[in-house]
Amino acid sequence: RWIATIAARPAVERGLAVGRELSSGPPDEEARKHLFEKK
């Protein structure tokens, strides 16, 4: 119920849409190095 209530807020919908076009799916090998392997 809490998730549905918050998800329905217009500001939340707008916030979740920010940069949506930047997302490119699962990480490739280069992304894995930066996300999981670089110390």
PDB file of all heavy atoms in Angstrom:
ATOM      1  N   ARG A   1       0.833  -1.209   0.000  1.00  0.00           N
ATOM      2  CA  ARG A   1       0.000   0.000   0.000  1.00  0.00           C
ATOM      3  C   ARG A   1       0.861   1.249   0.000  1.00  0.00           C
ATOM      4  O   ARG A   1       0.604   2.206  -0.738  1.00  0.00           O
ATOM      5  CB  ARG A   1      -0.923  -0.034   1.227  1.00  0.00           C
ATOM      6  CG  ARG A   1      -1.897   1.133   1.320  1.00  0.00           C
ATOM      7  CD  ARG A   1      -1.349   2.282   2.160  1.00  0.00           C
ATOM      8  NE  ARG A   1      -0.919   1.845   3.470  1.00  0.00           N
ATOM      9  CZ  ARG A   1      -0.105   2.548   4.237  1.00  0.00           C
ATOM     10  NH1 ARG A   1       0.397   3.701   3.822  1.00  0.00           N
ATOM     11  NH2 ARG A   1       0.264   2.105   5.434  1.00  0.00           N
ATOM     12  N   TRP A   2       1.895   1.242   0.822  1.00  0.00           N
ATOM     13  CA  TRP A   2       2.816   2.383   0.915  1.00  0.00           C
ATOM     14  C   TRP A   2       3.501   2.634  -0.434  1.00  0.00           C
ATOM     15  O   TRP A   2       3.592   3.777  -0.889  1.00  0.00           O
ATOM     16  CB  TRP A   2       3.823   2.084   2.012  1.00  0.00           C
ATOM     17  CG  TRP A   2       4.956   3.039   2.212  1.00  0.00           C
ATOM     18  CD1 TRP A   2       4.945   4.197   2.944  1.00  0.00           C
ATOM     19  CD2 TRP A   2       6.291   2.895   1.728  1.00  0.00           C
ATOM     20  NE1 TRP A   2       6.189   4.783   2.929  1.00  0.00           N
ATOM     21  CE2 TRP A   2       7.036   4.010   2.197  1.00  0.00           C
ATOM     22  CE3 TRP A   2       6.936   1.927   0.953  1.00  0.00           C
ATOM     23  CZ2 TRP A   2       8.392   4.180   1.905  1.00  0.00           C
ATOM     24  CZ3 TRP A   2       8.272   2.090   0.654  1.00  0.00           C
ATOM     25  CH2 TRP A   2       8.990   3.209   1.121  1.00  0.00           C
ATOM     26  N   ILE A   3       3.964   1.583  -1.087  1.00  0.00           N
ATOM     27  CA  ILE A   3       4.611   1.724  -2.401  1.00  0.00           C
ATOM     28  C   ILE A   3       3.642   2.345  -3.404  1.00  0.00           C
ATOM     29  O   ILE A   3       3.987   3.285  -4.127  1.00  0.00           O
ATOM     30  CB  ILE A   3       5.093   0.358  -2.919  1.00  0.00           C
ATOM     31  CG1 ILE A   3       6.236  -0.170  -2.052  1.00  0.00           C
ATOM     32  CG2 ILE A   3       5.554   0.456  -4.379  1.00  0.00           C
ATOM     33  CD1 ILE A   3       6.608  -1.606  -2.375  1.00  0.00           C
ATOM     34  N   ALA A   4       2.425   1.826  -3.453  1.00  0.00           N
ATOM     35  CA  ALA A   4       1.444   2.329  -4.419  1.00  0.00           C
ATOM     36  C   ALA A   4       1.088   3.784  -4.148  1.00  0.00           C
ATOM     37  O   ALA A   4       0.943   4.585  -5.086  1.00  0.00           O
ATOM     38  CB  ALA A   4       0.192   1.452  -4.381  1.00  0.00           C
ATOM     39  N   THR A   5       0.958   4.144  -2.877  1.00  0.00           N
ATOM     40  CA  THR A   5       0.607   5.524  -2.521  1.00  0.00           C
ATOM     41  C   THR A   5       1.692   6.497  -2.970  1.00  0.00           C
ATOM     42  O   THR A   5       1.416   7.542  -3.561  1.00  0.00           O
ATOM     43  CB  THR A   5       0.388   5.647  -1.003  1.00  0.00           C
ATOM     44  OG1 THR A   5      -0.697   4.802  -0.614  1.00  0.00           O
ATOM     45  CG2 THR A   5       0.069   7.084  -0.610  1.00  0.00           C
ATOM     46  N   ILE A   6       2.943   6.139  -2.700  1.00  0.00           N
ATOM     47  CA  ILE A   6       4.042   7.031  -3.068  1.00  0.00           C
ATOM     48  C   ILE A   6       4.234   7.055  -4.581  1.00  0.00           C
ATOM     49  O   ILE A   6       4.448   8.124  -5.174  1.00  0.00           O
ATOM     50  CB  ILE A   6       5.336   6.602  -2.352  1.00  0.00           C
ATOM     51  CG1 ILE A   6       5.163   6.776  -0.843  1.00  0.00           C
ATOM     52  CG2 ILE A   6       6.532   7.410  -2.860  1.00  0.00           C
ATOM     53  CD1 ILE A   6       6.334   6.292  -0.025  1.00  0.00           C
ATOM     54  N   ALA A   7       4.126   5.909  -5.221  1.00  0.00           N
ATOM     55  CA  ALA A   7       4.318   5.848  -6.675  1.00  0.00           C
ATOM     56  C   ALA A   7       3.311   6.703  -7.422  1.00  0.00           C
ATOM     57  O   ALA A   7       3.592   7.170  -8.540  1.00  0.00           O
ATOM     58  CB  ALA A   7       4.235   4.402  -7.151  1.00  0.00           C
ATOM     59  N   ALA A   8       2.139   6.920  -6.831  1.00  0.00           N
ATOM     60  CA  ALA A   8       1.090   7.693  -7.491  1.00  0.00           C
ATOM     61  C   ALA A   8       1.287   9.202  -7.363  1.00  0.00           C
ATOM     62  O   ALA A   8       0.563   9.971  -8.002  1.00  0.00           O
ATOM     63  CB  ALA A   8      -0.274   7.312  -6.914  1.00  0.00           C
ATOM     64  N   ARG A   9       2.243   9.644  -6.579  1.00  0.00           N
ATOM     65  CA  ARG A   9       2.473  11.080  -6.423  1.00  0.00           C
ATOM     66  C   ARG A   9       3.072  11.647  -7.715  1.00  0.00           C
ATOM     67  O   ARG A   9       4.066  11.107  -8.226  1.00  0.00           O
ATOM     68  CB  ARG A   9       3.415  11.351  -5.237  1.00  0.00           C
ATOM     69  CG  ARG A   9       2.832  10.952  -3.887  1.00  0.00           C
ATOM     70  CD  ARG A   9       3.851  11.170  -2.773  1.00  0.00           C
ATOM     71  NE  ARG A   9       4.133  12.596  -2.572  1.00  0.00           N
ATOM     72  CZ  ARG A   9       3.485  13.383  -1.729  1.00  0.00           C
ATOM     73  NH1 ARG A   9       2.473  12.895  -1.000  1.00  0.00           N
ATOM     74  NH2 ARG A   9       3.797  14.649  -1.606  1.00  0.00           N
ATOM     75  N   PRO A  10       2.518  12.724  -8.247  1.00  0.00           N
ATOM     76  CA  PRO A  10       3.047  13.282  -9.501  1.00  0.00           C
ATOM     77  C   PRO A  10       4.527  13.628  -9.433  1.00  0.00           C
ATOM     78  O   PRO A  10       5.276  13.390 -10.397  1.00  0.00           O
ATOM     79  CB  PRO A  10       2.182  14.521  -9.722  1.00  0.00           C
ATOM     80  CG  PRO A  10       0.894  14.204  -9.035  1.00  0.00           C
ATOM     81  CD  PRO A  10       1.283  13.414  -7.826  1.00  0.00           C
ATOM     82  N   ALA A  11       4.982  14.177  -8.299  1.00  0.00           N
ATOM     83  CA  ALA A  11       6.399  14.534  -8.180  1.00  0.00           C
ATOM     84  C   ALA A  11       7.284  13.297  -8.209  1.00  0.00           C
ATOM     85  O   ALA A  11       8.408  13.332  -8.729  1.00  0.00           O
ATOM     86  CB  ALA A  11       6.640  15.323  -6.894  1.00  0.00           C
ATOM     87  N   VAL A  12       6.789  12.199  -7.657  1.00  0.00           N
ATOM     88  CA  VAL A  12       7.549  10.954  -7.685  1.00  0.00           C
ATOM     89  C   VAL A  12       7.634  10.427  -9.115  1.00  0.00           C
ATOM     90  O   VAL A  12       8.703   9.983  -9.568  1.00  0.00           O
ATOM     91  CB  VAL A  12       6.920   9.916  -6.739  1.00  0.00           C
ATOM     92  CG1 VAL A  12       7.589   8.555  -6.898  1.00  0.00           C
ATOM     93  CG2 VAL A  12       7.021  10.398  -5.297  1.00  0.00           C
ATOM     94  N   GLU A  13       6.541  10.481  -9.831  1.00  0.00           N
ATOM     95  CA  GLU A  13       6.561  10.059 -11.232  1.00  0.00           C
ATOM     96  C   GLU A  13       7.566  10.883 -12.026  1.00  0.00           C
ATOM     97  O   GLU A  13       8.332  10.334 -12.836  1.00  0.00           O
ATOM     98  CB  GLU A  13       5.164  10.204 -11.839  1.00  0.00           C
ATOM     99  CG  GLU A  13       4.135   9.251 -11.252  1.00  0.00           C
ATOM    100  CD  GLU A  13       2.761   9.447 -11.860  1.00  0.00           C
ATOM    101  OE1 GLU A  13       2.584  10.411 -12.648  1.00  0.00           O
ATOM    102  OE2 GLU A  13       1.857   8.648 -11.564  1.00  0.00           O
ATOM    103  N   ARG A  14       7.592  12.188 -11.788  1.00  0.00           N
ATOM    104  CA  ARG A  14       8.552  13.038 -12.498  1.00  0.00           C
ATOM    105  C   ARG A  14       9.981  12.717 -12.083  1.00  0.00           C
ATOM    106  O   ARG A  14      10.891  12.671 -12.924  1.00  0.00           O
ATOM    107  CB  ARG A  14       8.250  14.517 -12.230  1.00  0.00           C
ATOM    108  CG  ARG A  14       6.920  15.000 -12.807  1.00  0.00           C
ATOM    109  CD  ARG A  14       6.822  16.514 -12.782  1.00  0.00           C
ATOM    110  NE  ARG A  14       6.954  17.080 -11.442  1.00  0.00           N
ATOM    111  CZ  ARG A  14       5.936  17.295 -10.620  1.00  0.00           C
ATOM    112  NH1 ARG A  14       4.696  16.958 -10.978  1.00  0.00           N
ATOM    113  NH2 ARG A  14       6.141  17.829  -9.426  1.00  0.00           N
ATOM    114  N   GLY A  15      10.189  12.504 -10.799  1.00  0.00           N
ATOM    115  CA  GLY A  15      11.533  12.190 -10.323  1.00  0.00           C
ATOM    116  C   GLY A  15      12.073  10.895 -10.882  1.00  0.00           C
ATOM    117  O   GLY A  15      13.257  10.794 -11.232  1.00  0.00           O
ATOM    118  N   LEU A  16      11.211   9.889 -10.997  1.00  0.00           N
ATOM    119  CA  LEU A  16      11.637   8.605 -11.560  1.00  0.00           C
ATOM    120  C   LEU A  16      11.925   8.699 -13.051  1.00  0.00           C
ATOM    121  O   LEU A  16      12.687   7.897 -13.590  1.00  0.00           O
ATOM    122  CB  LEU A  16      10.567   7.540 -11.302  1.00  0.00           C
ATOM    123  CG  LEU A  16      10.358   7.126  -9.845  1.00  0.00           C
ATOM    124  CD1 LEU A  16       9.184   6.161  -9.739  1.00  0.00           C
ATOM    125  CD2 LEU A  16      11.617   6.489  -9.264  1.00  0.00           C
ATOM    126  N   ALA A  17      11.324   9.669 -13.706  1.00  0.00           N
ATOM    127  CA  ALA A  17      11.528   9.822 -15.153  1.00  0.00           C
ATOM    128  C   ALA A  17      12.825  10.544 -15.488  1.00  0.00           C
ATOM    129  O   ALA A  17      13.279  10.475 -16.641  1.00  0.00           O
ATOM    130  CB  ALA A  17      10.349  10.583 -15.761  1.00  0.00           C
ATOM    131  N   VAL A  18      13.437  11.203 -14.507  1.00  0.00           N
ATOM    132  CA  VAL A  18      14.651  11.969 -14.782  1.00  0.00           C
ATOM    133  C   VAL A  18      15.771  11.033 -15.232  1.00  0.00           C
ATOM    134  O   VAL A  18      16.115  10.072 -14.541  1.00  0.00           O
ATOM    135  CB  VAL A  18      15.090  12.755 -13.530  1.00  0.00           C
ATOM    136  CG1 VAL A  18      16.461  13.415 -13.756  1.00  0.00           C
ATOM    137  CG2 VAL A  18      14.055  13.806 -13.169  1.00  0.00           C
ATOM    138  N   GLY A  19      16.307  11.306 -16.401  1.00  0.00           N
ATOM    139  CA  GLY A  19      17.430  10.513 -16.896  1.00  0.00           C
ATOM    140  C   GLY A  19      17.086   9.115 -17.342  1.00  0.00           C
ATOM    141  O   GLY A  19      17.980   8.284 -17.521  1.00  0.00           O
ATOM    142  N   ARG A  20      15.804   8.844 -17.516  1.00  0.00           N
ATOM    143  CA  ARG A  20      15.418   7.488 -17.921  1.00  0.00           C
ATOM    144  C   ARG A  20      16.105   7.071 -19.222  1.00  0.00           C
ATOM    145  O   ARG A  20      16.451   5.906 -19.417  1.00  0.00           O
ATOM    146  CB  ARG A  20      13.895   7.420 -18.056  1.00  0.00           C
ATOM    147  CG  ARG A  20      13.344   6.034 -18.310  1.00  0.00           C
ATOM    148  CD  ARG A  20      11.818   6.061 -18.239  1.00  0.00           C
ATOM    149  NE  ARG A  20      11.339   6.219 -16.871  1.00  0.00           N
ATOM    150  CZ  ARG A  20      10.119   6.665 -16.559  1.00  0.00           C
ATOM    151  NH1 ARG A  20       9.287   7.053 -17.515  1.00  0.00           N
ATOM    152  NH2 ARG A  20       9.747   6.758 -15.290  1.00  0.00           N
ATOM    153  N   GLU A  21      16.315   8.056 -20.098  1.00  0.00           N
ATOM    154  CA  GLU A  21      16.940   7.756 -21.386  1.00  0.00           C
ATOM    155  C   GLU A  21      18.422   7.407 -21.236  1.00  0.00           C
ATOM    156  O   GLU A  21      19.040   6.862 -22.173  1.00  0.00           O
ATOM    157  CB  GLU A  21      16.792   8.956 -22.323  1.00  0.00           C
ATOM    158  CG  GLU A  21      17.666  10.160 -21.983  1.00  0.00           C
ATOM    159  CD  GLU A  21      17.145  10.989 -20.804  1.00  0.00           C
ATOM    160  OE1 GLU A  21      16.075  10.659 -20.262  1.00  0.00           O
ATOM    161  OE2 GLU A  21      17.819  11.970 -20.447  1.00  0.00           O
ATOM    162  N   LEU A  22      19.005   7.674 -20.058  1.00  0.00           N
ATOM    163  CA  LEU A  22      20.423   7.386 -19.851  1.00  0.00           C
ATOM    164  C   LEU A  22      20.675   5.919 -19.560  1.00  0.00           C
ATOM    165  O   LEU A  22      21.779   5.420 -19.753  1.00  0.00           O
ATOM    166  CB  LEU A  22      20.960   8.235 -18.691  1.00  0.00           C
ATOM    167  CG  LEU A  22      20.876   9.749 -18.845  1.00  0.00           C
ATOM    168  CD1 LEU A  22      21.280  10.418 -17.544  1.00  0.00           C
ATOM    169  CD2 LEU A  22      21.762  10.220 -19.986  1.00  0.00           C
ATOM    170  N   SER A  23      19.672   5.238 -19.046  1.00  0.00           N
ATOM    171  CA  SER A  23      19.830   3.845 -18.635  1.00  0.00           C
ATOM    172  C   SER A  23      19.997   2.961 -19.860  1.00  0.00           C
ATOM    173  O   SER A  23      19.268   3.085 -20.831  1.00  0.00           O
ATOM    174  CB  SER A  23      18.605   3.407 -17.851  1.00  0.00           C
ATOM    175  OG  SER A  23      18.944   2.534 -16.845  1.00  0.00           O
ATOM    176  N   SER A  24      20.959   2.078 -19.823  1.00  0.00           N
ATOM    177  CA  SER A  24      21.252   1.254 -21.000  1.00  0.00           C
ATOM    178  C   SER A  24      21.178  -0.246 -20.731  1.00  0.00           C
ATOM    179  O   SER A  24      21.788  -1.035 -21.428  1.00  0.00           O
ATOM    180  CB  SER A  24      22.635   1.607 -21.547  1.00  0.00           C
ATOM    181  OG  SER A  24      23.618   1.441 -20.541  1.00  0.00           O
ATOM    182  N   GLY A  25      20.465  -0.636 -19.700  1.00  0.00           N
ATOM    183  CA  GLY A  25      20.292  -2.057 -19.435  1.00  0.00           C
ATOM    184  C   GLY A  25      21.420  -2.644 -18.599  1.00  0.00           C
ATOM    185  O   GLY A  25      22.186  -1.916 -17.959  1.00  0.00           O
ATOM    186  N   PRO A  26      21.560  -3.972 -18.610  1.00  0.00           N
ATOM    187  CA  PRO A  26      22.574  -4.647 -17.790  1.00  0.00           C
ATOM    188  C   PRO A  26      23.976  -4.150 -18.122  1.00  0.00           C
ATOM    189  O   PRO A  26      24.261  -3.773 -19.264  1.00  0.00           O
ATOM    190  CB  PRO A  26      22.411  -6.124 -18.164  1.00  0.00           C
ATOM    191  CG  PRO A  26      21.030  -6.228 -18.711  1.00  0.00           C
ATOM    192  CD  PRO A  26      20.746  -4.923 -19.379  1.00  0.00           C
ATOM    193  N   PRO A  27      24.882  -4.123 -17.125  1.00  0.00           N
ATOM    194  CA  PRO A  27      26.235  -3.612 -17.366  1.00  0.00           C
ATOM    195  C   PRO A  27      27.022  -4.501 -18.319  1.00  0.00           C
ATOM    196  O   PRO A  27      26.974  -5.725 -18.236  1.00  0.00           O
ATOM    197  CB  PRO A  27      26.855  -3.616 -15.967  1.00  0.00           C
ATOM    198  CG  PRO A  27      26.056  -4.605 -15.180  1.00  0.00           C
ATOM    199  CD  PRO A  27      24.667  -4.539 -15.734  1.00  0.00           C
ATOM    200  N   ASP A  28      27.759  -3.860 -19.244  1.00  0.00           N
ATOM    201  CA  ASP A  28      28.670  -4.604 -20.116  1.00  0.00           C
ATOM    202  C   ASP A  28      29.990  -4.791 -19.372  1.00  0.00           C
ATOM    203  O   ASP A  28      30.129  -4.428 -18.195  1.00  0.00           O
ATOM    204  CB  ASP A  28      28.848  -3.883 -21.457  1.00  0.00           C
ATOM    205  CG  ASP A  28      29.364  -2.453 -21.292  1.00  0.00           C
ATOM    206  OD1 ASP A  28      29.912  -2.125 -20.213  1.00  0.00           O
ATOM    207  OD2 ASP A  28      29.218  -1.668 -22.248  1.00  0.00           O
ATOM    208  N   GLU A  29      30.987  -5.341 -20.058  1.00  0.00           N
ATOM    209  CA  GLU A  29      32.242  -5.653 -19.379  1.00  0.00           C
ATOM    210  C   GLU A  29      32.944  -4.399 -18.875  1.00  0.00           C
ATOM    211  O   GLU A  29      33.531  -4.403 -17.789  1.00  0.00           O
ATOM    212  CB  GLU A  29      33.160  -6.451 -20.318  1.00  0.00           C
ATOM    213  CG  GLU A  29      32.770  -7.916 -20.458  1.00  0.00           C
ATOM    214  CD  GLU A  29      32.654  -8.619 -19.106  1.00  0.00           C
ATOM    215  OE1 GLU A  29      33.623  -8.563 -18.315  1.00  0.00           O
ATOM    216  OE2 GLU A  29      31.604  -9.220 -18.837  1.00  0.00           O
ATOM    217  N   GLU A  30      32.911  -3.315 -19.661  1.00  0.00           N
ATOM    218  CA  GLU A  30      33.544  -2.089 -19.181  1.00  0.00           C
ATOM    219  C   GLU A  30      32.840  -1.573 -17.934  1.00  0.00           C
ATOM    220  O   GLU A  30      33.487  -1.168 -16.958  1.00  0.00           O
ATOM    221  CB  GLU A  30      33.538  -1.011 -20.257  1.00  0.00           C
ATOM    222  CG  GLU A  30      34.226   0.270 -19.792  1.00  0.00           C
ATOM    223  CD  GLU A  30      34.203   1.388 -20.809  1.00  0.00           C
ATOM    224  OE1 GLU A  30      33.782   1.145 -21.958  1.00  0.00           O
ATOM    225  OE2 GLU A  30      34.592   2.516 -20.450  1.00  0.00           O
ATOM    226  N   ALA A  31      31.518  -1.585 -17.955  1.00  0.00           N
ATOM    227  CA  ALA A  31      30.765  -1.113 -16.794  1.00  0.00           C
ATOM    228  C   ALA A  31      31.056  -1.972 -15.564  1.00  0.00           C
ATOM    229  O   ALA A  31      31.184  -1.447 -14.448  1.00  0.00           O
ATOM    230  CB  ALA A  31      29.273  -1.117 -17.097  1.00  0.00           C
ATOM    231  N   ARG A  32      31.162  -3.260 -15.751  1.00  0.00           N
ATOM    232  CA  ARG A  32      31.451  -4.152 -14.626  1.00  0.00           C
ATOM    233  C   ARG A  32      32.771  -3.777 -13.967  1.00  0.00           C
ATOM    234  O   ARG A  32      32.909  -3.816 -12.745  1.00  0.00           O
ATOM    235  CB  ARG A  32      31.474  -5.605 -15.086  1.00  0.00           C
ATOM    236  CG  ARG A  32      30.131  -6.145 -15.562  1.00  0.00           C
ATOM    237  CD  ARG A  32      30.252  -7.615 -15.964  1.00  0.00           C
ATOM    238  NE  ARG A  32      30.548  -8.423 -14.792  1.00  0.00           N
ATOM    239  CZ  ARG A  32      29.624  -8.929 -13.976  1.00  0.00           C
ATOM    240  NH1 ARG A  32      28.339  -8.698 -14.208  1.00  0.00           N
ATOM    241  NH2 ARG A  32      29.960  -9.653 -12.943  1.00  0.00           N
ATOM    242  N   LYS A  33      33.768  -3.403 -14.776  1.00  0.00           N
ATOM    243  CA  LYS A  33      35.066  -3.030 -14.203  1.00  0.00           C
ATOM    244  C   LYS A  33      34.939  -1.788 -13.334  1.00  0.00           C
ATOM    245  O   LYS A  33      35.503  -1.715 -12.247  1.00  0.00           O
ATOM    246  CB  LYS A  33      36.065  -2.785 -15.332  1.00  0.00           C
ATOM    247  CG  LYS A  33      36.472  -4.051 -16.082  1.00  0.00           C
ATOM    248  CD  LYS A  33      37.419  -3.731 -17.232  1.00  0.00           C
ATOM    249  CE  LYS A  33      37.765  -4.999 -18.011  1.00  0.00           C
ATOM    250  NZ  LYS A  33      38.651  -4.697 -19.178  1.00  0.00           N
ATOM    251  N   HIS A  34      34.188  -0.805 -13.815  1.00  0.00           N
ATOM    252  CA  HIS A  34      34.042   0.438 -13.050  1.00  0.00           C
ATOM    253  C   HIS A  34      33.149   0.251 -11.825  1.00  0.00           C
ATOM    254  O   HIS A  34      33.388   0.851 -10.772  1.00  0.00           O
ATOM    255  CB  HIS A  34      33.448   1.528 -13.937  1.00  0.00           C
ATOM    256  CG  HIS A  34      34.355   1.961 -15.045  1.00  0.00           C
ATOM    257  ND1 HIS A  34      35.617   2.468 -14.819  1.00  0.00           N
ATOM    258  CD2 HIS A  34      34.187   1.961 -16.397  1.00  0.00           C
ATOM    259  CE1 HIS A  34      36.189   2.767 -15.978  1.00  0.00           C
ATOM    260  NE2 HIS A  34      35.341   2.472 -16.947  1.00  0.00           N
ATOM    261  N   LEU A  35      32.107  -0.579 -11.964  1.00  0.00           N
ATOM    262  CA  LEU A  35      31.137  -0.726 -10.885  1.00  0.00           C
ATOM    263  C   LEU A  35      31.572  -1.713  -9.820  1.00  0.00           C
ATOM    264  O   LEU A  35      31.291  -1.522  -8.625  1.00  0.00           O
ATOM    265  CB  LEU A  35      29.786  -1.158 -11.463  1.00  0.00           C
ATOM    266  CG  LEU A  35      29.091  -0.149 -12.379  1.00  0.00           C
ATOM    267  CD1 LEU A  35      27.895  -0.804 -13.050  1.00  0.00           C
ATOM    268  CD2 LEU A  35      28.658   1.075 -11.606  1.00  0.00           C
ATOM    269  N   PHE A  36      32.236  -2.794 -10.242  1.00  0.00           N
ATOM    270  CA  PHE A  36      32.480  -3.907  -9.306  1.00  0.00           C
ATOM    271  C   PHE A  36      33.928  -4.226  -9.052  1.00  0.00           C
ATOM    272  O   PHE A  36      34.225  -4.917  -8.080  1.00  0.00           O
ATOM    273  CB  PHE A  36      31.790  -5.170  -9.832  1.00  0.00           C
ATOM    274  CG  PHE A  36      30.340  -4.988 -10.197  1.00  0.00           C
ATOM    275  CD1 PHE A  36      29.820  -5.535 -11.361  1.00  0.00           C
ATOM    276  CD2 PHE A  36      29.497  -4.257  -9.374  1.00  0.00           C
ATOM    277  CE1 PHE A  36      28.491  -5.368 -11.692  1.00  0.00           C
ATOM    278  CE2 PHE A  36      28.151  -4.091  -9.704  1.00  0.00           C
ATOM    279  CZ  PHE A  36      27.657  -4.639 -10.871  1.00  0.00           C
ATOM    280  N   GLU A  37      34.837  -3.745  -9.899  1.00  0.00           N
ATOM    281  CA  GLU A  37      36.215  -4.210  -9.779  1.00  0.00           C
ATOM    282  C   GLU A  37      37.199  -3.112  -9.423  1.00  0.00           C
ATOM    283  O   GLU A  37      38.240  -3.392  -8.827  1.00  0.00           O
ATOM    284  CB  GLU A  37      36.652  -4.875 -11.098  1.00  0.00           C
ATOM    285  CG  GLU A  37      35.808  -6.110 -11.440  1.00  0.00           C
ATOM    286  CD  GLU A  37      36.120  -6.662 -12.829  1.00  0.00           C
ATOM    287  OE1 GLU A  37      37.203  -6.336 -13.379  1.00  0.00           O
ATOM    288  OE2 GLU A  37      35.275  -7.414 -13.363  1.00  0.00           O
ATOM    289  N   LYS A  38      36.911  -1.872  -9.774  1.00  0.00           N
ATOM    290  CA  LYS A  38      37.843  -0.785  -9.488  1.00  0.00           C
ATOM    291  C   LYS A  38      37.878  -0.519  -7.998  1.00  0.00           C
ATOM    292  O   LYS A  38      36.841  -0.365  -7.358  1.00  0.00           O
ATOM    293  CB  LYS A  38      37.445   0.477 -10.254  1.00  0.00           C
ATOM    294  CG  LYS A  38      38.555   1.525 -10.272  1.00  0.00           C
ATOM    295  CD  LYS A  38      38.302   2.572 -11.350  1.00  0.00           C
ATOM    296  CE  LYS A  38      39.439   3.559 -11.418  1.00  0.00           C
ATOM    297  NZ  LYS A  38      39.289   4.502 -12.553  1.00  0.00           N
ATOM    298  N   LYS A  39      39.087  -0.443  -7.440  1.00  0.00           N
ATOM    299  CA  LYS A  39      39.214  -0.332  -5.986  1.00  0.00           C
ATOM    300  C   LYS A  39      39.174   1.109  -5.501  1.00  0.00           C
ATOM    301  O   LYS A  39      38.791   1.399  -4.398  1.00  0.00           O
ATOM    302  CB  LYS A  39      40.504  -1.012  -5.534  1.00  0.00           C
ATOM    303  CG  LYS A  39      40.499  -2.534  -5.774  1.00  0.00           C
ATOM    304  CD  LYS A  39      41.776  -3.168  -5.281  1.00  0.00           C
ATOM    305  CE  LYS A  39      41.704  -4.697  -5.377  1.00  0.00           C
ATOM    306  NZ  LYS A  39      41.459  -5.174  -6.720  1.00  0.00           N
TER     307      LYS A  39
END
